[in-house]
Amino acid sequence: MPQLHTNNTQYGVSDWNPSQNAMLLRPDAREFGQTGNQIREFFHAFDMARDENATIFLTEEGFPMKVLREIFLGLEGGTPYWKERAESLFGVKVIDQLNDDNLIESFESWEYIQKTVKLFRYRSTRHTLEQRKNHRRYLLQNLYQLTAHEMMLNPHSQSTTALCSSLYDFFGVGEKSGDDQSTSYHSYNITDKYTVIHSRYLLRLGALAEHKLGVDSQALTNMPPDFTSAILSPLGMLNNSIIMISDGQNIEAAERLSLDTVVGPVFQLVPSNISSMVSDMVRKRGVPVFKIVYLFGIEDPHCLTNFL
């Protein structure tokens, strides 16, 4: 019988007691949504496992390892001890194959996740918002720590070089390898404090949010300059850099901001040459991590509320 994780003070939670139940994240599961939504589904898998006191089993390929490896380092198949590291940090079990009869017979109940939309829509019934937020924070912190550790161990690897090159391309100073991972904002004249605007053109979801919640979805989609300045001025951020990351479908919003006499002088659009999936960590994860103000639409899958 596989060893179960019974120490309920680990893995970022205090009340996860895996018993004779098991939940398998199938590698061939039909994925729902893109990067942000799949990370949300990964988070919700832990909610379901905690609610049902189940052990999470996952395989080396497919969901969720595919999307995690596209963003974070240290989980690649060739990385020494990556399985042991993932199991000890997150409380999961990594298995090699699905047709292990001895494994299946060891549990009284199995939950097979064949479509990740089930996880996307899952809502915990036993755990508070604060508990879920703390666990999300624990997962993200450890994923970023794994990335940093891998970069230090392998400063010349392809993944490290891709990530450092993205930082170099945007922030403009430093080396394109892991030998010198320090960066500076002065080449692009980016201030130490800055605002990130995440522009996503999701008309259907925006309209739904406007109907259900009574919010103005158009303002955060179109980002009119007066709207942006009205938010930033009371915060004392109007003279600091404004950085936009975009899905590329509503470039007119960036053009309006760049031409505005107030916002334009401090506005920057993340360069399009930062485009690889590894460098997506810089564009959609790394840049917002260090921001002071983050402006986004209610439908933005990268905001914390949509991860809960």
C-alpha atoms as a PDB file:
ATOM      1  CA  MET A   1       0.000   0.000   0.000  1.00  0.00           C
ATOM      2  CA  PRO A   2       1.393   3.467  -0.921  1.00  0.00           C
ATOM      3  CA  GLN A   3       2.568   5.545   1.986  1.00  0.00           C
ATOM      4  CA  LEU A   4      -0.023   8.169   2.922  1.00  0.00           C
ATOM      5  CA  HIS A   5       0.727  11.638   4.197  1.00  0.00           C
ATOM      6  CA  THR A   6      -0.659  11.703   7.719  1.00  0.00           C
ATOM      7  CA  ASN A   7       1.223  14.669   9.183  1.00  0.00           C
ATOM      8  CA  ASN A   8      -1.554  17.235   9.069  1.00  0.00           C
ATOM      9  CA  THR A   9       0.710  20.170   9.950  1.00  0.00           C
ATOM     10  CA  GLN A  10       2.478  20.109   6.568  1.00  0.00           C
ATOM     11  CA  TYR A  11       1.706  21.122   3.006  1.00  0.00           C
ATOM     12  CA  GLY A  12       0.386  24.568   3.887  1.00  0.00           C
ATOM     13  CA  VAL A  13      -2.797  23.301   5.557  1.00  0.00           C
ATOM     14  CA  SER A  14      -3.790  22.233   9.048  1.00  0.00           C
ATOM     15  CA  ASP A  15      -6.749  19.910   8.453  1.00  0.00           C
ATOM     16  CA  TRP A  16      -5.964  17.663   5.510  1.00  0.00           C
ATOM     17  CA  ASN A  17      -6.298  14.040   6.643  1.00  0.00           C
ATOM     18  CA  PRO A  18      -5.967  11.676   3.678  1.00  0.00           C
ATOM     19  CA  SER A  19      -7.620   8.350   4.501  1.00  0.00           C
ATOM     20  CA  GLN A  20      -8.657   5.474   2.289  1.00  0.00           C
ATOM     21  CA  ASN A  21      -9.914   7.817  -0.424  1.00  0.00           C
ATOM     22  CA  ALA A  22      -7.912   8.803  -3.482  1.00  0.00           C
ATOM     23  CA  MET A  23      -8.279  11.351  -6.271  1.00  0.00           C
ATOM     24  CA  LEU A  24      -6.512  10.864  -9.586  1.00  0.00           C
ATOM     25  CA  LEU A  25      -5.763  13.814 -11.844  1.00  0.00           C
ATOM     26  CA  ARG A  26      -5.764  11.982 -15.155  1.00  0.00           C
ATOM     27  CA  PRO A  27      -2.940  13.059 -17.492  1.00  0.00           C
ATOM     28  CA  ASP A  28      -5.337  12.818 -20.454  1.00  0.00           C
ATOM     29  CA  ALA A  29      -8.019  14.926 -18.780  1.00  0.00           C
ATOM     30  CA  ARG A  30      -9.773  17.347 -21.095  1.00  0.00           C
ATOM     31  CA  GLU A  31      -8.365  20.725 -20.106  1.00  0.00           C
ATOM     32  CA  PHE A  32     -10.617  23.718 -19.600  1.00  0.00           C
ATOM     33  CA  GLY A  33      -9.290  27.202 -20.327  1.00  0.00           C
ATOM     34  CA  GLN A  34      -5.781  28.507 -20.702  1.00  0.00           C
ATOM     35  CA  THR A  35      -2.913  29.027 -18.263  1.00  0.00           C
ATOM     36  CA  GLY A  36      -4.710  31.042 -15.585  1.00  0.00           C
ATOM     37  CA  ASN A  37      -7.777  28.817 -15.509  1.00  0.00           C
ATOM     38  CA  GLN A  38      -5.680  25.646 -15.373  1.00  0.00           C
ATOM     39  CA  ILE A  39      -3.742  26.997 -12.390  1.00  0.00           C
ATOM     40  CA  ARG A  40      -7.101  27.656 -10.742  1.00  0.00           C
ATOM     41  CA  GLU A  41      -8.093  24.047 -11.456  1.00  0.00           C
ATOM     42  CA  PHE A  42      -4.839  22.852  -9.877  1.00  0.00           C
ATOM     43  CA  PHE A  43      -5.690  24.857  -6.747  1.00  0.00           C
ATOM     44  CA  HIS A  44      -9.263  23.527  -6.650  1.00  0.00           C
ATOM     45  CA  ALA A  45      -7.973  19.948  -6.796  1.00  0.00           C
ATOM     46  CA  PHE A  46      -6.518  20.511  -3.326  1.00  0.00           C
ATOM     47  CA  ASP A  47      -9.824  21.952  -2.114  1.00  0.00           C
ATOM     48  CA  MET A  48     -11.665  18.843  -3.278  1.00  0.00           C
ATOM     49  CA  ALA A  49      -9.059  16.515  -1.785  1.00  0.00           C
ATOM     50  CA  ARG A  50      -9.218  18.274   1.577  1.00  0.00           C
ATOM     51  CA  ASP A  51     -13.011  18.254   1.603  1.00  0.00           C
ATOM     52  CA  GLU A  52     -13.051  14.513   0.889  1.00  0.00           C
ATOM     53  CA  ASN A  53      -9.953  13.616   2.955  1.00  0.00           C
ATOM     54  CA  ALA A  54      -8.387  12.142  -0.157  1.00  0.00           C
ATOM     55  CA  THR A  55      -4.829  11.720  -1.384  1.00  0.00           C
ATOM     56  CA  ILE A  56      -4.070  13.441  -4.712  1.00  0.00           C
ATOM     57  CA  PHE A  57      -2.398  11.221  -7.301  1.00  0.00           C
ATOM     58  CA  LEU A  58      -0.930  12.643 -10.473  1.00  0.00           C
ATOM     59  CA  THR A  59       1.312  11.350 -13.223  1.00  0.00           C
ATOM     60  CA  GLU A  60       4.475  12.738 -14.778  1.00  0.00           C
ATOM     61  CA  GLU A  61       2.787  14.021 -17.935  1.00  0.00           C
ATOM     62  CA  GLY A  62      -0.420  15.851 -18.823  1.00  0.00           C
ATOM     63  CA  PHE A  63      -2.522  17.826 -16.371  1.00  0.00           C
ATOM     64  CA  PRO A  64      -1.427  19.488 -14.139  1.00  0.00           C
ATOM     65  CA  MET A  65       2.308  18.944 -14.762  1.00  0.00           C
ATOM     66  CA  LYS A  66       2.162  20.301 -18.299  1.00  0.00           C
ATOM     67  CA  VAL A  67       0.896  23.748 -17.328  1.00  0.00           C
ATOM     68  CA  LEU A  68       3.093  23.927 -14.206  1.00  0.00           C
ATOM     69  CA  ARG A  69       6.207  23.190 -16.259  1.00  0.00           C
ATOM     70  CA  GLU A  70       5.273  25.883 -18.755  1.00  0.00           C
ATOM     71  CA  ILE A  71       5.523  28.503 -16.005  1.00  0.00           C
ATOM     72  CA  PHE A  72       7.773  27.206 -13.233  1.00  0.00           C
ATOM     73  CA  LEU A  73      11.181  25.519 -13.204  1.00  0.00           C
ATOM     74  CA  GLY A  74      12.363  22.596 -11.082  1.00  0.00           C
ATOM     75  CA  LEU A  75       9.578  20.184 -12.080  1.00  0.00           C
ATOM     76  CA  GLU A  76      10.998  18.959 -15.386  1.00  0.00           C
ATOM     77  CA  GLY A  77      11.226  15.206 -15.858  1.00  0.00           C
ATOM     78  CA  GLY A  78      15.015  15.321 -16.044  1.00  0.00           C
ATOM     79  CA  THR A  79      15.403  17.293 -12.820  1.00  0.00           C
ATOM     80  CA  PRO A  80      16.879  15.066 -10.082  1.00  0.00           C
ATOM     81  CA  TYR A  81      14.448  14.249  -7.263  1.00  0.00           C
ATOM     82  CA  TRP A  82      11.648  16.390  -8.679  1.00  0.00           C
ATOM     83  CA  LYS A  83       9.052  13.761  -7.726  1.00  0.00           C
ATOM     84  CA  GLU A  84      10.250  13.581  -4.144  1.00  0.00           C
ATOM     85  CA  ARG A  85      10.355  17.350  -3.974  1.00  0.00           C
ATOM     86  CA  ALA A  86       6.800  17.726  -5.270  1.00  0.00           C
ATOM     87  CA  GLU A  87       5.499  15.073  -2.872  1.00  0.00           C
ATOM     88  CA  SER A  88       7.210  16.524   0.193  1.00  0.00           C
ATOM     89  CA  LEU A  89       6.142  20.113  -0.538  1.00  0.00           C
ATOM     90  CA  PHE A  90       2.584  19.642  -1.742  1.00  0.00           C
ATOM     91  CA  GLY A  91       1.444  16.357  -0.158  1.00  0.00           C
ATOM     92  CA  VAL A  92       0.672  14.640  -3.474  1.00  0.00           C
ATOM     93  CA  LYS A  93       1.722  11.236  -4.819  1.00  0.00           C
ATOM     94  CA  VAL A  94       3.401  11.045  -8.226  1.00  0.00           C
ATOM     95  CA  ILE A  95       2.857   7.725 -10.011  1.00  0.00           C
ATOM     96  CA  ASP A  96       4.291   6.358 -13.247  1.00  0.00           C
ATOM     97  CA  GLN A  97       1.199   4.778 -14.754  1.00  0.00           C
ATOM     98  CA  LEU A  98      -2.560   4.491 -14.381  1.00  0.00           C
ATOM     99  CA  ASN A  99      -3.008   0.726 -14.716  1.00  0.00           C
ATOM    100  CA  ASP A 100      -1.401  -0.252 -11.431  1.00  0.00           C
ATOM    101  CA  ASP A 101      -3.946  -2.737 -10.058  1.00  0.00           C
ATOM    102  CA  ASN A 102      -2.193  -3.021  -6.708  1.00  0.00           C
ATOM    103  CA  LEU A 103      -2.385   0.740  -6.298  1.00  0.00           C
ATOM    104  CA  ILE A 104      -6.081   0.896  -7.153  1.00  0.00           C
ATOM    105  CA  GLU A 105      -6.965  -1.962  -4.810  1.00  0.00           C
ATOM    106  CA  SER A 106      -5.298  -0.138  -1.899  1.00  0.00           C
ATOM    107  CA  PHE A 107      -8.102   2.402  -1.644  1.00  0.00           C
ATOM    108  CA  GLU A 108     -11.764   2.147  -0.836  1.00  0.00           C
ATOM    109  CA  SER A 109     -12.817   5.025  -3.061  1.00  0.00           C
ATOM    110  CA  TRP A 110     -11.386   6.604  -6.207  1.00  0.00           C
ATOM    111  CA  GLU A 111     -12.300   9.907  -7.811  1.00  0.00           C
ATOM    112  CA  TYR A 112     -11.183  10.191 -11.439  1.00  0.00           C
ATOM    113  CA  ILE A 113     -10.886  13.721 -12.826  1.00  0.00           C
ATOM    114  CA  GLN A 114     -11.447  13.306 -16.562  1.00  0.00           C
ATOM    115  CA  LYS A 115     -12.488  16.900 -17.321  1.00  0.00           C
ATOM    116  CA  THR A 116     -10.796  19.768 -15.519  1.00  0.00           C
ATOM    117  CA  VAL A 117     -13.921  21.910 -15.843  1.00  0.00           C
ATOM    118  CA  LYS A 118     -15.159  19.940 -12.817  1.00  0.00           C
ATOM    119  CA  LEU A 119     -12.290  21.399 -10.805  1.00  0.00           C
ATOM    120  CA  PHE A 120     -12.790  24.859 -12.313  1.00  0.00           C
ATOM    121  CA  ARG A 121     -16.355  24.955 -10.998  1.00  0.00           C
ATOM    122  CA  TYR A 122     -15.651  23.295  -7.659  1.00  0.00           C
ATOM    123  CA  ARG A 123     -16.463  25.278  -4.522  1.00  0.00           C
ATOM    124  CA  SER A 124     -15.232  24.120  -1.136  1.00  0.00           C
ATOM    125  CA  THR A 125     -17.938  23.567   1.444  1.00  0.00           C
ATOM    126  CA  ARG A 126     -15.715  22.915   4.446  1.00  0.00           C
ATOM    127  CA  HIS A 127     -12.973  25.527   4.349  1.00  0.00           C
ATOM    128  CA  THR A 128     -13.034  29.275   4.822  1.00  0.00           C
ATOM    129  CA  LEU A 129     -11.878  31.887   2.360  1.00  0.00           C
ATOM    130  CA  GLU A 130      -8.890  32.665   4.583  1.00  0.00           C
ATOM    131  CA  GLN A 131      -7.847  29.001   4.674  1.00  0.00           C
ATOM    132  CA  ARG A 132      -7.980  28.776   0.906  1.00  0.00           C
ATOM    133  CA  LYS A 133      -6.045  32.012   0.453  1.00  0.00           C
ATOM    134  CA  ASN A 134      -3.314  30.803   2.787  1.00  0.00           C
ATOM    135  CA  HIS A 135      -2.997  27.532   0.921  1.00  0.00           C
ATOM    136  CA  ARG A 136      -2.824  29.304  -2.473  1.00  0.00           C
ATOM    137  CA  ARG A 137      -0.052  31.488  -1.051  1.00  0.00           C
ATOM    138  CA  TYR A 138       1.822  28.437   0.205  1.00  0.00           C
ATOM    139  CA  LEU A 139       1.622  26.728  -3.203  1.00  0.00           C
ATOM    140  CA  LEU A 140       2.757  29.793  -5.143  1.00  0.00           C
ATOM    141  CA  GLN A 141       5.618  30.591  -2.792  1.00  0.00           C
ATOM    142  CA  ASN A 142       6.984  27.071  -3.067  1.00  0.00           C
ATOM    143  CA  LEU A 143       6.614  26.968  -6.843  1.00  0.00           C
ATOM    144  CA  TYR A 144       8.598  30.201  -7.130  1.00  0.00           C
ATOM    145  CA  GLN A 145      11.189  28.888  -4.672  1.00  0.00           C
ATOM    146  CA  LEU A 146      11.584  25.757  -6.791  1.00  0.00           C
ATOM    147  CA  THR A 147      12.154  28.002  -9.806  1.00  0.00           C
ATOM    148  CA  ALA A 148      14.783  30.100  -8.029  1.00  0.00           C
ATOM    149  CA  HIS A 149      16.559  26.984  -6.766  1.00  0.00           C
ATOM    150  CA  GLU A 150      16.679  25.476 -10.255  1.00  0.00           C
ATOM    151  CA  MET A 151      18.054  28.726 -11.720  1.00  0.00           C
ATOM    152  CA  MET A 152      20.866  28.798  -9.161  1.00  0.00           C
ATOM    153  CA  LEU A 153      21.750  25.139  -9.734  1.00  0.00           C
ATOM    154  CA  ASN A 154      21.685  25.395 -13.524  1.00  0.00           C
ATOM    155  CA  PRO A 155      22.444  28.998 -14.564  1.00  0.00           C
ATOM    156  CA  HIS A 156      23.211  28.000 -18.179  1.00  0.00           C
ATOM    157  CA  SER A 157      20.229  25.750 -18.825  1.00  0.00           C
ATOM    158  CA  GLN A 158      17.836  26.563 -21.653  1.00  0.00           C
ATOM    159  CA  SER A 159      14.979  27.330 -19.252  1.00  0.00           C
ATOM    160  CA  THR A 160      17.085  29.624 -17.047  1.00  0.00           C
ATOM    161  CA  THR A 161      18.444  31.441 -20.090  1.00  0.00           C
ATOM    162  CA  ALA A 162      14.926  31.926 -21.491  1.00  0.00           C
ATOM    163  CA  LEU A 163      13.682  33.415 -18.229  1.00  0.00           C
ATOM    164  CA  CYS A 164      16.699  35.662 -17.723  1.00  0.00           C
ATOM    165  CA  SER A 165      16.560  36.790 -21.356  1.00  0.00           C
ATOM    166  CA  SER A 166      12.949  37.849 -20.843  1.00  0.00           C
ATOM    167  CA  LEU A 167      13.916  39.917 -17.813  1.00  0.00           C
ATOM    168  CA  TYR A 168      16.755  41.428 -19.826  1.00  0.00           C
ATOM    169  CA  ASP A 169      14.545  42.203 -22.818  1.00  0.00           C
ATOM    170  CA  PHE A 170      12.019  44.034 -20.669  1.00  0.00           C
ATOM    171  CA  PHE A 171      14.017  45.658 -17.885  1.00  0.00           C
ATOM    172  CA  GLY A 172      16.996  46.242 -20.181  1.00  0.00           C
ATOM    173  CA  VAL A 173      19.981  45.712 -17.877  1.00  0.00           C
ATOM    174  CA  GLY A 174      21.786  42.613 -16.673  1.00  0.00           C
ATOM    175  CA  GLU A 175      22.986  39.472 -18.413  1.00  0.00           C
ATOM    176  CA  LYS A 176      21.009  37.099 -20.608  1.00  0.00           C
ATOM    177  CA  SER A 177      22.212  34.107 -18.619  1.00  0.00           C
ATOM    178  CA  GLY A 178      21.803  33.017 -15.033  1.00  0.00           C
ATOM    179  CA  ASP A 179      25.302  34.232 -14.088  1.00  0.00           C
ATOM    180  CA  ASP A 180      23.985  37.717 -13.370  1.00  0.00           C
ATOM    181  CA  GLN A 181      20.318  37.569 -12.462  1.00  0.00           C
ATOM    182  CA  SER A 182      20.155  41.132 -11.173  1.00  0.00           C
ATOM    183  CA  THR A 183      18.049  43.563 -13.151  1.00  0.00           C
ATOM    184  CA  SER A 184      17.594  47.301 -13.260  1.00  0.00           C
ATOM    185  CA  TYR A 185      14.734  49.432 -14.456  1.00  0.00           C
ATOM    186  CA  HIS A 186      16.775  52.395 -15.665  1.00  0.00           C
ATOM    187  CA  SER A 187      17.109  51.365 -19.325  1.00  0.00           C
ATOM    188  CA  TYR A 188      13.358  51.630 -19.815  1.00  0.00           C
ATOM    189  CA  ASN A 189      13.022  54.385 -17.225  1.00  0.00           C
ATOM    190  CA  ILE A 190      10.702  52.262 -15.126  1.00  0.00           C
ATOM    191  CA  THR A 191      10.267  53.623 -11.629  1.00  0.00           C
ATOM    192  CA  ASP A 192      10.732  51.516  -8.500  1.00  0.00           C
ATOM    193  CA  LYS A 193       6.990  51.738  -7.838  1.00  0.00           C
ATOM    194  CA  TYR A 194       4.781  51.058 -10.823  1.00  0.00           C
ATOM    195  CA  THR A 195       1.291  50.077 -11.959  1.00  0.00           C
ATOM    196  CA  VAL A 196       0.475  46.960 -13.974  1.00  0.00           C
ATOM    197  CA  ILE A 197      -2.541  46.939 -16.279  1.00  0.00           C
ATOM    198  CA  HIS A 198      -3.657  43.497 -17.445  1.00  0.00           C
ATOM    199  CA  SER A 199      -5.776  44.008 -20.542  1.00  0.00           C
ATOM    200  CA  ARG A 200      -7.938  41.060 -21.569  1.00  0.00           C
ATOM    201  CA  TYR A 201     -10.597  41.286 -24.254  1.00  0.00           C
ATOM    202  CA  LEU A 202     -13.267  38.888 -22.971  1.00  0.00           C
ATOM    203  CA  LEU A 203     -16.506  40.422 -24.135  1.00  0.00           C
ATOM    204  CA  ARG A 204     -18.768  37.496 -23.209  1.00  0.00           C
ATOM    205  CA  LEU A 205     -17.433  37.159 -19.675  1.00  0.00           C
ATOM    206  CA  GLY A 206     -17.365  40.906 -19.250  1.00  0.00           C
ATOM    207  CA  ALA A 207     -20.996  41.202 -20.263  1.00  0.00           C
ATOM    208  CA  LEU A 208     -21.899  38.381 -17.877  1.00  0.00           C
ATOM    209  CA  ALA A 209     -20.097  40.100 -14.997  1.00  0.00           C
ATOM    210  CA  GLU A 210     -21.845  43.368 -15.824  1.00  0.00           C
ATOM    211  CA  HIS A 211     -25.256  41.657 -15.797  1.00  0.00           C
ATOM    212  CA  LYS A 212     -24.697  39.561 -12.662  1.00  0.00           C
ATOM    213  CA  LEU A 213     -22.678  41.963 -10.524  1.00  0.00           C
ATOM    214  CA  GLY A 214     -23.624  45.357 -11.856  1.00  0.00           C
ATOM    215  CA  VAL A 215     -20.041  46.340 -12.683  1.00  0.00           C
ATOM    216  CA  ASP A 216     -18.894  48.365 -15.685  1.00  0.00           C
ATOM    217  CA  SER A 217     -16.952  45.815 -17.723  1.00  0.00           C
ATOM    218  CA  GLN A 218     -16.132  48.243 -20.532  1.00  0.00           C
ATOM    219  CA  ALA A 219     -13.954  50.561 -18.467  1.00  0.00           C
ATOM    220  CA  LEU A 220     -11.455  47.874 -17.478  1.00  0.00           C
ATOM    221  CA  THR A 221     -11.542  46.440 -21.005  1.00  0.00           C
ATOM    222  CA  ASN A 222     -11.008  49.689 -22.890  1.00  0.00           C
ATOM    223  CA  MET A 223      -8.911  51.438 -20.202  1.00  0.00           C
ATOM    224  CA  PRO A 224      -9.740  55.053 -21.129  1.00  0.00           C
ATOM    225  CA  PRO A 225      -6.921  57.381 -20.009  1.00  0.00           C
ATOM    226  CA  ASP A 226      -9.151  59.510 -17.760  1.00  0.00           C
ATOM    227  CA  PHE A 227     -10.362  56.357 -15.978  1.00  0.00           C
ATOM    228  CA  THR A 228      -6.786  55.213 -15.398  1.00  0.00           C
ATOM    229  CA  SER A 229      -5.609  58.597 -14.141  1.00  0.00           C
ATOM    230  CA  ALA A 230      -8.677  58.952 -11.879  1.00  0.00           C
ATOM    231  CA  ILE A 231      -7.656  55.710 -10.087  1.00  0.00           C
ATOM    232  CA  LEU A 232      -3.934  56.435  -9.864  1.00  0.00           C
ATOM    233  CA  SER A 233      -4.012  60.106  -8.931  1.00  0.00           C
ATOM    234  CA  PRO A 234      -5.434  59.650  -5.378  1.00  0.00           C
ATOM    235  CA  LEU A 235      -2.862  56.887  -4.819  1.00  0.00           C
ATOM    236  CA  GLY A 236       0.016  59.172  -5.706  1.00  0.00           C
ATOM    237  CA  MET A 237       0.993  56.853  -8.563  1.00  0.00           C
ATOM    238  CA  LEU A 238       0.222  59.016 -11.560  1.00  0.00           C
ATOM    239  CA  ASN A 239       3.861  60.038 -12.024  1.00  0.00           C
ATOM    240  CA  ASN A 240       5.155  56.475 -11.719  1.00  0.00           C
ATOM    241  CA  SER A 241       5.514  53.966 -14.538  1.00  0.00           C
ATOM    242  CA  ILE A 242       2.429  52.247 -15.964  1.00  0.00           C
ATOM    243  CA  ILE A 243       3.071  48.860 -17.551  1.00  0.00           C
ATOM    244  CA  MET A 244       0.510  47.025 -19.669  1.00  0.00           C
ATOM    245  CA  ILE A 245       0.473  43.271 -20.339  1.00  0.00           C
ATOM    246  CA  SER A 246      -2.074  42.300 -22.961  1.00  0.00           C
ATOM    247  CA  ASP A 247      -3.560  39.343 -24.806  1.00  0.00           C
ATOM    248  CA  GLY A 248      -3.073  41.350 -28.007  1.00  0.00           C
ATOM    249  CA  GLN A 249      -6.754  41.481 -28.931  1.00  0.00           C
ATOM    250  CA  ASN A 250      -7.419  45.064 -27.868  1.00  0.00           C
ATOM    251  CA  ILE A 251      -4.290  46.959 -28.831  1.00  0.00           C
ATOM    252  CA  GLU A 252      -6.342  50.144 -29.225  1.00  0.00           C
ATOM    253  CA  ALA A 253      -6.390  50.471 -25.429  1.00  0.00           C
ATOM    254  CA  ALA A 254      -2.594  50.608 -25.359  1.00  0.00           C
ATOM    255  CA  GLU A 255      -2.540  53.134 -28.177  1.00  0.00           C
ATOM    256  CA  ARG A 256      -4.968  55.434 -26.359  1.00  0.00           C
ATOM    257  CA  LEU A 257      -2.897  55.327 -23.182  1.00  0.00           C
ATOM    258  CA  SER A 258       0.389  55.902 -25.001  1.00  0.00           C
ATOM    259  CA  LEU A 259      -0.987  58.992 -26.789  1.00  0.00           C
ATOM    260  CA  ASP A 260      -2.548  60.559 -23.710  1.00  0.00           C
ATOM    261  CA  THR A 261      -0.771  63.698 -22.493  1.00  0.00           C
ATOM    262  CA  VAL A 262      -0.971  62.634 -18.816  1.00  0.00           C
ATOM    263  CA  VAL A 263      -0.568  58.852 -18.938  1.00  0.00           C
ATOM    264  CA  GLY A 264       1.516  58.588 -22.110  1.00  0.00           C
ATOM    265  CA  PRO A 265       4.868  59.832 -20.742  1.00  0.00           C
ATOM    266  CA  VAL A 266       4.972  57.071 -18.089  1.00  0.00           C
ATOM    267  CA  PHE A 267       3.292  54.295 -20.117  1.00  0.00           C
ATOM    268  CA  GLN A 268       5.042  51.120 -21.344  1.00  0.00           C
ATOM    269  CA  LEU A 269       3.651  48.087 -23.194  1.00  0.00           C
ATOM    270  CA  VAL A 270       5.411  44.806 -22.392  1.00  0.00           C
ATOM    271  CA  PRO A 271       7.527  44.022 -25.511  1.00  0.00           C
ATOM    272  CA  SER A 272       6.058  41.431 -27.841  1.00  0.00           C
ATOM    273  CA  ASN A 273       9.419  39.629 -28.117  1.00  0.00           C
ATOM    274  CA  ILE A 274       8.845  38.299 -24.591  1.00  0.00           C
ATOM    275  CA  SER A 275       6.655  35.570 -25.970  1.00  0.00           C
ATOM    276  CA  SER A 276       7.811  32.089 -24.963  1.00  0.00           C
ATOM    277  CA  MET A 277       5.815  30.085 -22.431  1.00  0.00           C
ATOM    278  CA  VAL A 278       8.661  30.176 -19.935  1.00  0.00           C
ATOM    279  CA  SER A 279       8.915  33.937 -20.294  1.00  0.00           C
ATOM    280  CA  ASP A 280       5.135  34.081 -19.774  1.00  0.00           C
ATOM    281  CA  MET A 281       6.138  33.847 -16.118  1.00  0.00           C
ATOM    282  CA  VAL A 282       7.701  37.306 -16.532  1.00  0.00           C
ATOM    283  CA  ARG A 283       4.857  38.790 -18.519  1.00  0.00           C
ATOM    284  CA  LYS A 284       1.889  37.462 -16.544  1.00  0.00           C
ATOM    285  CA  ARG A 285       3.413  36.377 -13.220  1.00  0.00           C
ATOM    286  CA  GLY A 286       6.777  38.014 -12.621  1.00  0.00           C
ATOM    287  CA  VAL A 287       5.919  41.592 -13.544  1.00  0.00           C
ATOM    288  CA  PRO A 288       2.726  41.734 -11.404  1.00  0.00           C
ATOM    289  CA  VAL A 289       4.533  40.205  -8.408  1.00  0.00           C
ATOM    290  CA  PHE A 290       6.589  43.352  -7.914  1.00  0.00           C
ATOM    291  CA  LYS A 291       3.933  45.915  -8.800  1.00  0.00           C
ATOM    292  CA  ILE A 292       2.322  48.407  -6.452  1.00  0.00           C
ATOM    293  CA  VAL A 293      -1.053  48.751  -8.224  1.00  0.00           C
ATOM    294  CA  TYR A 294      -2.685  46.065 -10.386  1.00  0.00           C
ATOM    295  CA  LEU A 295      -5.633  47.018 -12.609  1.00  0.00           C
ATOM    296  CA  PHE A 296      -7.659  44.175 -14.088  1.00  0.00           C
ATOM    297  CA  GLY A 297     -11.138  43.199 -15.214  1.00  0.00           C
ATOM    298  CA  ILE A 298     -13.481  41.146 -13.068  1.00  0.00           C
ATOM    299  CA  GLU A 299     -13.015  38.259 -15.538  1.00  0.00           C
ATOM    300  CA  ASP A 300      -9.212  38.284 -15.247  1.00  0.00           C
ATOM    301  CA  PRO A 301      -8.088  34.688 -14.443  1.00  0.00           C
ATOM    302  CA  HIS A 302      -4.830  35.993 -12.957  1.00  0.00           C
ATOM    303  CA  CYS A 303      -6.480  37.844 -10.095  1.00  0.00           C
ATOM    304  CA  LEU A 304      -6.550  36.111  -6.725  1.00  0.00           C
ATOM    305  CA  THR A 305     -10.338  36.193  -6.419  1.00  0.00           C
ATOM    306  CA  ASN A 306     -10.645  34.015  -9.523  1.00  0.00           C
ATOM    307  CA  PHE A 307      -8.150  31.552  -8.060  1.00  0.00           C
ATOM    308  CA  LEU A 308     -10.304  30.991  -4.950  1.00  0.00           C
END
